[in-house]
Amino acid sequence: MTDTASAGVTTKQVRLFHTFGFLHLPGALADTGRAPRFTFGRDGCTRLARALLGGEVACRDGGGRLDDCASQWERRAQRPGSLVLTFRTQSRGRPQGELRFLPGTHRRSTGWDGHLGELADPVTGLGLTDREVPCCVVRMAPGDLVAYDPYTLHAAYDSTEGERLSLLYEPTESEGGTR
């Protein structure tokens, strides 16, 4: 069993991550004059990834990558049980950047694949603009962290390139994690 307390998350937060496919941790890395919930760096990120995925993990994205923060609705077909940790690194004069998620779409058996074409062009497919697609909007301030299953349908708007750093973790077990 993975120790969630040393990773800075509660059992409830782990359940929320598994249910909805993402978890927002506001101020997890903020410089508030007190210690953050976990240490920024490889060890803290790995502890958090272990706690959320329920086992041993390996970072597959090297030292992280700066995201191109403007994206359409997408899902990344990573190995089941994978995890992306995204950090808001700076504000560039903007108070918040947004990530949008369709909760629960990380589950491979939900039938969402049949709607990917509609989301790729929601104006034609649904008669909606990208921002009108009903979803959960996570507004990130510098120091915030969002953990999400890369298979969860997600999009980013109102952000600028280089504002978020992302790390990809995958389970090391052959069965692909505990989902």
Protein backbone atom coordinates (compact mmCIF):
# COMPACT_ATOMS: atom_id res chain seq x y z
CA MET A 1 0.00 0.00 0.00
CA THR A 2 1.31 3.43 -0.93
CA ASP A 3 1.62 6.08 1.77
CA THR A 4 -0.63 8.93 0.64
CA ALA A 5 0.23 11.21 3.57
CA SER A 6 3.92 11.44 2.63
CA ALA A 7 2.82 12.41 -0.90
CA GLY A 8 0.67 15.26 0.39
CA VAL A 9 -2.68 13.80 -0.70
CA THR A 10 -5.56 12.25 1.19
CA THR A 11 -7.33 8.97 0.52
CA LYS A 12 -10.36 11.03 -0.57
CA GLN A 13 -8.25 12.88 -3.15
CA VAL A 14 -6.95 9.58 -4.52
CA ARG A 15 -10.57 8.36 -4.89
CA LEU A 16 -11.52 11.59 -6.68
CA PHE A 17 -8.61 11.13 -9.10
CA HIS A 18 -9.67 7.57 -9.91
CA THR A 19 -13.34 8.53 -10.28
CA PHE A 20 -12.98 11.64 -12.44
CA GLY A 21 -9.55 11.20 -14.08
CA PHE A 22 -7.96 14.38 -12.70
CA LEU A 23 -7.12 16.13 -9.43
CA HIS A 24 -6.38 19.84 -8.81
CA LEU A 25 -4.01 20.62 -5.93
CA PRO A 26 -4.12 24.43 -5.52
CA GLY A 27 -0.96 25.94 -4.05
CA ALA A 28 0.83 22.60 -3.83
CA LEU A 29 4.05 24.25 -4.96
CA ALA A 30 3.37 27.83 -3.95
CA ASP A 31 6.02 29.76 -2.08
CA THR A 32 3.91 30.80 0.89
CA GLY A 33 6.66 30.93 3.49
CA ARG A 34 5.74 27.47 4.73
CA ALA A 35 6.72 24.10 3.33
CA PRO A 36 4.71 22.94 0.33
CA ARG A 37 2.69 19.75 0.65
CA PHE A 38 5.48 17.90 -1.08
CA THR A 39 8.93 18.86 -2.23
CA PHE A 40 9.16 20.00 -5.81
CA GLY A 41 11.60 17.72 -7.50
CA ARG A 42 11.85 14.17 -8.68
CA ASP A 43 11.26 12.56 -5.26
CA GLY A 44 8.13 14.57 -4.43
CA CYS A 45 6.64 14.04 -7.88
CA THR A 46 7.38 10.32 -7.76
CA ARG A 47 5.77 10.02 -4.30
CA LEU A 48 2.65 11.75 -5.59
CA ALA A 49 2.53 9.57 -8.72
CA ARG A 50 2.90 6.42 -6.58
CA ALA A 51 0.11 7.54 -4.26
CA LEU A 52 -2.29 8.27 -7.12
CA LEU A 53 -1.47 5.20 -9.22
CA GLY A 54 -1.13 2.83 -6.26
CA GLY A 55 2.26 1.31 -7.02
CA GLU A 56 5.73 1.77 -8.43
CA VAL A 57 6.11 4.27 -11.27
CA ALA A 58 8.75 5.56 -13.65
CA CYS A 59 9.00 9.04 -15.10
CA ARG A 60 8.96 8.73 -18.90
CA ASP A 61 9.21 12.39 -19.81
CA GLY A 62 12.82 13.09 -18.82
CA GLY A 63 13.10 16.34 -16.92
CA GLY A 64 9.67 17.53 -17.96
CA ARG A 65 8.53 19.54 -20.93
CA LEU A 66 7.02 22.97 -21.31
CA ASP A 67 3.53 22.59 -22.72
CA ASP A 68 2.12 24.35 -25.70
CA CYS A 69 -0.78 25.45 -23.58
CA ALA A 70 -3.36 26.09 -26.27
CA SER A 71 -4.92 22.80 -27.37
CA GLN A 72 -8.14 21.44 -28.75
CA TRP A 73 -10.00 18.60 -27.07
CA GLU A 74 -7.68 15.60 -27.00
CA ARG A 75 -6.74 12.45 -25.21
CA ARG A 76 -3.35 10.88 -25.24
CA ALA A 77 -3.34 7.14 -25.75
CA GLN A 78 -0.73 6.38 -23.13
CA ARG A 79 -0.41 3.08 -21.38
CA PRO A 80 -3.41 2.45 -19.06
CA GLY A 81 -2.70 3.69 -15.56
CA SER A 82 -0.44 6.55 -16.70
CA LEU A 83 -0.36 9.96 -15.05
CA VAL A 84 0.57 13.49 -16.12
CA LEU A 85 1.61 15.99 -13.45
CA THR A 86 1.24 19.56 -14.70
CA PHE A 87 2.58 22.58 -12.83
CA ARG A 88 1.73 26.22 -13.44
CA THR A 89 5.17 27.81 -13.65
CA GLN A 90 4.45 31.50 -14.19
CA SER A 91 1.66 33.92 -14.86
CA ARG A 92 3.08 36.22 -17.58
CA GLY A 93 0.63 38.83 -16.39
CA ARG A 94 -2.32 36.46 -16.55
CA PRO A 95 -3.95 35.53 -13.25
CA GLN A 96 -4.90 31.99 -14.27
CA GLY A 97 -4.51 29.42 -17.00
CA GLU A 98 -7.28 26.96 -17.68
CA LEU A 99 -7.37 23.23 -18.20
CA ARG A 100 -10.69 21.67 -19.12
CA PHE A 101 -11.66 18.06 -18.45
CA LEU A 102 -14.59 15.83 -19.32
CA PRO A 103 -14.80 13.91 -16.02
CA GLY A 104 -14.77 10.13 -16.20
CA THR A 105 -13.59 9.90 -19.80
CA HIS A 106 -10.35 8.23 -18.68
CA ARG A 107 -12.27 4.96 -18.33
CA ARG A 108 -11.63 2.96 -21.46
CA SER A 109 -15.06 1.31 -21.53
CA THR A 110 -17.27 4.43 -21.46
CA GLY A 111 -17.92 4.74 -25.20
CA TRP A 112 -16.50 8.26 -25.52
CA ASP A 113 -14.34 7.26 -28.48
CA GLY A 114 -17.41 7.53 -30.73
CA HIS A 115 -17.68 11.25 -29.88
CA LEU A 116 -14.06 12.26 -30.53
CA GLY A 117 -14.91 13.59 -34.00
CA GLU A 118 -17.61 15.85 -32.57
CA LEU A 119 -15.16 17.23 -30.02
CA ALA A 120 -12.37 17.69 -32.58
CA ASP A 121 -14.65 20.21 -34.31
CA PRO A 122 -17.40 21.06 -31.82
CA VAL A 123 -18.77 23.86 -33.98
CA THR A 124 -19.64 21.44 -36.79
CA GLY A 125 -20.23 18.36 -34.65
CA LEU A 126 -22.21 19.91 -31.79
CA GLY A 127 -23.02 23.49 -32.76
CA LEU A 128 -20.84 24.70 -29.85
CA THR A 129 -17.62 26.66 -29.59
CA ASP A 130 -14.72 24.92 -27.85
CA ARG A 131 -15.41 26.89 -24.69
CA GLU A 132 -19.13 26.01 -24.71
CA VAL A 133 -18.52 22.24 -24.42
CA PRO A 134 -19.86 21.29 -20.94
CA CYS A 135 -16.86 20.35 -18.83
CA CYS A 136 -15.00 20.91 -15.58
CA VAL A 137 -12.76 23.98 -15.83
CA VAL A 138 -9.66 23.99 -13.63
CA ARG A 139 -8.17 27.46 -13.26
CA MET A 140 -4.50 27.21 -12.36
CA ALA A 141 -2.47 29.86 -10.60
CA PRO A 142 1.34 29.73 -10.32
CA GLY A 143 2.23 27.04 -7.77
CA ASP A 144 -0.82 24.91 -8.58
CA LEU A 145 -0.51 21.31 -9.65
CA VAL A 146 -2.96 19.21 -11.66
CA ALA A 147 -2.62 15.44 -11.91
CA TYR A 148 -4.55 13.74 -14.68
CA ASP A 149 -4.83 10.51 -16.60
CA PRO A 150 -3.67 11.44 -20.12
CA TYR A 151 -6.56 9.40 -21.56
CA THR A 152 -9.04 11.83 -19.95
CA LEU A 153 -10.48 14.11 -22.62
CA HIS A 154 -8.92 17.51 -21.95
CA ALA A 155 -8.24 20.88 -23.55
CA ALA A 156 -6.39 24.07 -22.66
CA TYR A 157 -7.42 27.65 -23.36
CA ASP A 158 -6.51 31.04 -21.94
CA SER A 159 -2.90 30.05 -21.47
CA THR A 160 0.39 31.01 -23.05
CA GLU A 161 3.14 28.71 -24.26
CA GLY A 162 5.66 27.92 -21.56
CA GLU A 163 3.34 28.50 -18.60
CA ARG A 164 3.03 24.82 -17.66
CA LEU A 165 5.60 22.10 -17.11
CA SER A 166 4.41 18.50 -17.45
CA LEU A 167 5.84 15.15 -16.37
CA LEU A 168 4.53 11.77 -17.57
CA TYR A 169 4.57 8.80 -15.18
CA GLU A 170 3.75 5.20 -16.05
CA PRO A 171 3.34 2.18 -13.78
CA THR A 172 6.27 -0.22 -13.73
CA GLU A 173 4.07 -3.26 -13.03
CA SER A 174 3.36 -5.40 -16.09
CA GLU A 175 -0.39 -5.32 -15.43
CA GLY A 176 -0.52 -1.53 -15.90
CA GLY A 177 -1.39 -0.22 -12.43
CA THR A 178 -4.38 -0.61 -10.16
CA ARG A 179 -7.21 1.03 -12.13
